Amino acid sequence: MSSFAKHPAPTSRPWKSLVLVPALAAAALLLTPETGRADPPIDQVYNVYCAQCHGLKRNGTGVNLPGLSVRPRDHTDSKGMGDTPDEELFKAIKEGGLAVNKSVLMPSWGAVLSDKQITEMVKYLRTVCHCGK
């Protein structure tokens, strides 16, 4: 008897790939900068990159919350967000949480988002928290 018979192949679910691949491709196309094409609205960028942790309500209750050891920043908290300078928010987004002595779980987005998009994100966060500077 061959060793393959002892270890049957795992059940394959090709439909998952059929759903996941187009969704990822669409997100990549939506957010990939191209010459002559405008950047997507910053709230859409937030929904793609930030909402998994910070939540669709921007209050730190994203779908990843149960798996995180540190609760993500509540972007609707006007006191906490208001006490954070724009430069620190920019650096946290661009270089990650560790760059500003925050959670290592906050990834750096500098290789994904342009400086212009990060600046727009900081301005957007100021509208979310109602703490514009």
C-alpha atoms as a PDB file:
ATOM      1  CA  MET A   1       0.000   0.000   0.000  1.00  0.00           C
ATOM      2  CA  SER A   2       1.382   3.429  -0.911  1.00  0.00           C
ATOM      3  CA  SER A   3       1.955   6.098   1.698  1.00  0.00           C
ATOM      4  CA  PHE A   4      -0.536   8.321  -0.136  1.00  0.00           C
ATOM      5  CA  ALA A   5      -3.393   5.984   0.747  1.00  0.00           C
ATOM      6  CA  LYS A   6      -2.634   6.346   4.456  1.00  0.00           C
ATOM      7  CA  HIS A   7      -2.821  10.137   4.251  1.00  0.00           C
ATOM      8  CA  PRO A   8      -5.726  11.255   2.076  1.00  0.00           C
ATOM      9  CA  ALA A   9      -5.550  14.719   0.583  1.00  0.00           C
ATOM     10  CA  PRO A  10      -7.378  17.392   2.566  1.00  0.00           C
ATOM     11  CA  THR A  11     -10.750  18.410   1.265  1.00  0.00           C
ATOM     12  CA  SER A  12     -10.332  21.296  -1.111  1.00  0.00           C
ATOM     13  CA  ARG A  13     -12.683  24.255  -1.178  1.00  0.00           C
ATOM     14  CA  PRO A  14     -11.912  25.991  -4.463  1.00  0.00           C
ATOM     15  CA  TRP A  15     -14.931  28.293  -4.072  1.00  0.00           C
ATOM     16  CA  LYS A  16     -13.129  30.133  -1.269  1.00  0.00           C
ATOM     17  CA  SER A  17     -10.322  31.019  -3.653  1.00  0.00           C
ATOM     18  CA  LEU A  18     -12.840  32.075  -6.255  1.00  0.00           C
ATOM     19  CA  VAL A  19     -14.332  34.548  -3.806  1.00  0.00           C
ATOM     20  CA  LEU A  20     -11.161  35.740  -2.086  1.00  0.00           C
ATOM     21  CA  VAL A  21      -8.941  36.339  -5.118  1.00  0.00           C
ATOM     22  CA  PRO A  22     -11.304  38.728  -6.951  1.00  0.00           C
ATOM     23  CA  ALA A  23     -12.002  40.624  -3.721  1.00  0.00           C
ATOM     24  CA  LEU A  24      -8.291  41.110  -3.056  1.00  0.00           C
ATOM     25  CA  ALA A  25      -7.658  42.029  -6.689  1.00  0.00           C
ATOM     26  CA  ALA A  26     -10.444  44.626  -6.600  1.00  0.00           C
ATOM     27  CA  ALA A  27      -9.035  46.165  -3.414  1.00  0.00           C
ATOM     28  CA  ALA A  28      -5.555  46.255  -4.930  1.00  0.00           C
ATOM     29  CA  LEU A  29      -6.812  47.903  -8.119  1.00  0.00           C
ATOM     30  CA  LEU A  30      -8.905  50.392  -6.170  1.00  0.00           C
ATOM     31  CA  LEU A  31      -5.972  51.507  -4.065  1.00  0.00           C
ATOM     32  CA  THR A  32      -3.031  51.142  -6.460  1.00  0.00           C
ATOM     33  CA  PRO A  33      -1.839  54.573  -7.536  1.00  0.00           C
ATOM     34  CA  GLU A  34      -1.687  55.143 -11.279  1.00  0.00           C
ATOM     35  CA  THR A  35      -0.586  58.135 -13.248  1.00  0.00           C
ATOM     36  CA  GLY A  36      -3.623  60.120 -14.310  1.00  0.00           C
ATOM     37  CA  ARG A  37      -5.989  58.397 -11.901  1.00  0.00           C
ATOM     38  CA  ALA A  38      -7.213  60.183  -8.787  1.00  0.00           C
ATOM     39  CA  ASP A  39      -6.672  58.637  -5.378  1.00  0.00           C
ATOM     40  CA  PRO A  40      -9.771  56.987  -3.927  1.00  0.00           C
ATOM     41  CA  PRO A  41     -11.687  58.950  -1.287  1.00  0.00           C
ATOM     42  CA  ILE A  42      -9.854  58.767   2.028  1.00  0.00           C
ATOM     43  CA  ASP A  43     -12.814  57.185   3.835  1.00  0.00           C
ATOM     44  CA  GLN A  44     -12.584  54.273   1.385  1.00  0.00           C
ATOM     45  CA  VAL A  45      -8.861  53.978   2.106  1.00  0.00           C
ATOM     46  CA  TYR A  46      -9.713  53.865   5.824  1.00  0.00           C
ATOM     47  CA  ASN A  47     -12.316  51.148   5.218  1.00  0.00           C
ATOM     48  CA  VAL A  48      -9.789  48.986   3.366  1.00  0.00           C
ATOM     49  CA  TYR A  49      -6.723  49.417   5.570  1.00  0.00           C
ATOM     50  CA  CYS A  50      -7.858  50.650   8.989  1.00  0.00           C
ATOM     51  CA  ALA A  51     -11.375  49.388   9.697  1.00  0.00           C
ATOM     52  CA  GLN A  52     -10.299  45.793  10.390  1.00  0.00           C
ATOM     53  CA  CYS A  53      -8.772  46.988  13.660  1.00  0.00           C
ATOM     54  CA  HIS A  54     -10.286  50.436  14.268  1.00  0.00           C
ATOM     55  CA  GLY A  55     -13.789  49.434  13.167  1.00  0.00           C
ATOM     56  CA  LEU A  56     -16.329  50.703  10.672  1.00  0.00           C
ATOM     57  CA  LYS A  57     -17.543  53.072  13.391  1.00  0.00           C
ATOM     58  CA  ARG A  58     -13.908  54.209  13.868  1.00  0.00           C
ATOM     59  CA  ASN A  59     -14.169  53.469  17.619  1.00  0.00           C
ATOM     60  CA  GLY A  60     -11.529  50.733  18.015  1.00  0.00           C
ATOM     61  CA  THR A  61     -13.943  47.808  17.711  1.00  0.00           C
ATOM     62  CA  GLY A  62     -12.911  46.241  14.398  1.00  0.00           C
ATOM     63  CA  VAL A  63     -13.285  42.566  13.552  1.00  0.00           C
ATOM     64  CA  ASN A  64      -9.656  41.925  14.560  1.00  0.00           C
ATOM     65  CA  LEU A  65     -10.260  43.134  18.133  1.00  0.00           C
ATOM     66  CA  PRO A  66     -10.707  39.668  19.710  1.00  0.00           C
ATOM     67  CA  GLY A  67      -7.271  38.609  18.440  1.00  0.00           C
ATOM     68  CA  LEU A  68      -5.422  41.720  19.601  1.00  0.00           C
ATOM     69  CA  SER A  69      -3.647  42.094  22.937  1.00  0.00           C
ATOM     70  CA  VAL A  70      -4.076  45.886  22.839  1.00  0.00           C
ATOM     71  CA  ARG A  71      -7.277  47.676  21.900  1.00  0.00           C
ATOM     72  CA  PRO A  72      -6.833  49.874  18.809  1.00  0.00           C
ATOM     73  CA  ARG A  73      -7.153  53.650  19.153  1.00  0.00           C
ATOM     74  CA  ASP A  74     -10.714  54.962  19.250  1.00  0.00           C
ATOM     75  CA  HIS A  75     -10.657  57.573  16.488  1.00  0.00           C
ATOM     76  CA  THR A  76     -13.959  59.026  17.710  1.00  0.00           C
ATOM     77  CA  ASP A  77     -12.431  59.947  21.102  1.00  0.00           C
ATOM     78  CA  SER A  78     -12.070  63.707  20.803  1.00  0.00           C
ATOM     79  CA  LYS A  79     -10.019  64.029  24.008  1.00  0.00           C
ATOM     80  CA  GLY A  80      -7.485  61.294  23.184  1.00  0.00           C
ATOM     81  CA  MET A  81      -7.221  62.235  19.533  1.00  0.00           C
ATOM     82  CA  GLY A  82      -7.170  65.954  20.321  1.00  0.00           C
ATOM     83  CA  ASP A  83      -4.150  65.471  22.595  1.00  0.00           C
ATOM     84  CA  THR A  84      -2.210  63.780  19.769  1.00  0.00           C
ATOM     85  CA  PRO A  85      -0.322  66.136  17.416  1.00  0.00           C
ATOM     86  CA  ASP A  86      -0.784  65.748  13.646  1.00  0.00           C
ATOM     87  CA  GLU A  87       2.907  64.913  13.275  1.00  0.00           C
ATOM     88  CA  GLU A  88       2.535  61.964  15.658  1.00  0.00           C
ATOM     89  CA  LEU A  89      -0.527  60.646  13.803  1.00  0.00           C
ATOM     90  CA  PHE A  90       1.347  60.975  10.492  1.00  0.00           C
ATOM     91  CA  LYS A  91       4.360  59.112  11.890  1.00  0.00           C
ATOM     92  CA  ALA A  92       2.201  56.368  13.428  1.00  0.00           C
ATOM     93  CA  ILE A  93       0.462  55.757  10.109  1.00  0.00           C
ATOM     94  CA  LYS A  94       3.613  55.943   8.012  1.00  0.00           C
ATOM     95  CA  GLU A  95       6.042  54.075  10.290  1.00  0.00           C
ATOM     96  CA  GLY A  96       3.775  52.055  12.580  1.00  0.00           C
ATOM     97  CA  GLY A  97       2.857  52.180  16.249  1.00  0.00           C
ATOM     98  CA  LEU A  98       6.313  51.353  17.527  1.00  0.00           C
ATOM     99  CA  ALA A  99       7.698  54.535  15.918  1.00  0.00           C
ATOM    100  CA  VAL A 100       5.573  56.587  18.331  1.00  0.00           C
ATOM    101  CA  ASN A 101       5.921  54.300  21.369  1.00  0.00           C
ATOM    102  CA  LYS A 102       2.542  52.677  20.792  1.00  0.00           C
ATOM    103  CA  SER A 103       1.540  49.113  19.963  1.00  0.00           C
ATOM    104  CA  VAL A 104       3.757  47.026  17.697  1.00  0.00           C
ATOM    105  CA  LEU A 105       0.486  45.649  16.302  1.00  0.00           C
ATOM    106  CA  MET A 106      -0.104  48.915  14.426  1.00  0.00           C
ATOM    107  CA  PRO A 107       1.593  48.252  11.075  1.00  0.00           C
ATOM    108  CA  SER A 108       3.491  50.811   9.035  1.00  0.00           C
ATOM    109  CA  TRP A 109       1.593  51.960   5.940  1.00  0.00           C
ATOM    110  CA  GLY A 110       4.374  54.032   4.374  1.00  0.00           C
ATOM    111  CA  ALA A 111       4.982  51.472   1.636  1.00  0.00           C
ATOM    112  CA  VAL A 112       1.268  51.337   0.788  1.00  0.00           C
ATOM    113  CA  LEU A 113       0.052  54.911   1.189  1.00  0.00           C
ATOM    114  CA  SER A 114       1.689  58.002  -0.245  1.00  0.00           C
ATOM    115  CA  ASP A 115       2.640  60.922   2.018  1.00  0.00           C
ATOM    116  CA  LYS A 116      -0.253  62.819   0.427  1.00  0.00           C
ATOM    117  CA  GLN A 117      -2.694  60.055   1.382  1.00  0.00           C
ATOM    118  CA  ILE A 118      -1.303  59.887   4.924  1.00  0.00           C
ATOM    119  CA  THR A 119      -1.701  63.664   5.277  1.00  0.00           C
ATOM    120  CA  GLU A 120      -5.295  63.321   4.032  1.00  0.00           C
ATOM    121  CA  MET A 121      -5.838  60.498   6.523  1.00  0.00           C
ATOM    122  CA  VAL A 122      -4.668  62.703   9.403  1.00  0.00           C
ATOM    123  CA  LYS A 123      -7.116  65.419   8.277  1.00  0.00           C
ATOM    124  CA  TYR A 124      -9.855  62.790   7.954  1.00  0.00           C
ATOM    125  CA  LEU A 125      -9.163  61.515  11.474  1.00  0.00           C
ATOM    126  CA  ARG A 126      -9.582  65.081  12.749  1.00  0.00           C
ATOM    127  CA  THR A 127     -13.094  65.133  11.263  1.00  0.00           C
ATOM    128  CA  VAL A 128     -13.888  61.716  12.750  1.00  0.00           C
ATOM    129  CA  CYS A 129     -12.922  62.829  16.262  1.00  0.00           C
ATOM    130  CA  HIS A 130     -14.405  66.328  15.867  1.00  0.00           C
ATOM    131  CA  CYS A 131     -11.096  67.655  17.147  1.00  0.00           C
ATOM    132  CA  GLY A 132      -9.724  69.493  14.120  1.00  0.00           C
ATOM    133  CA  LYS A 133      -6.545  71.431  14.708  1.00  0.00           C
END
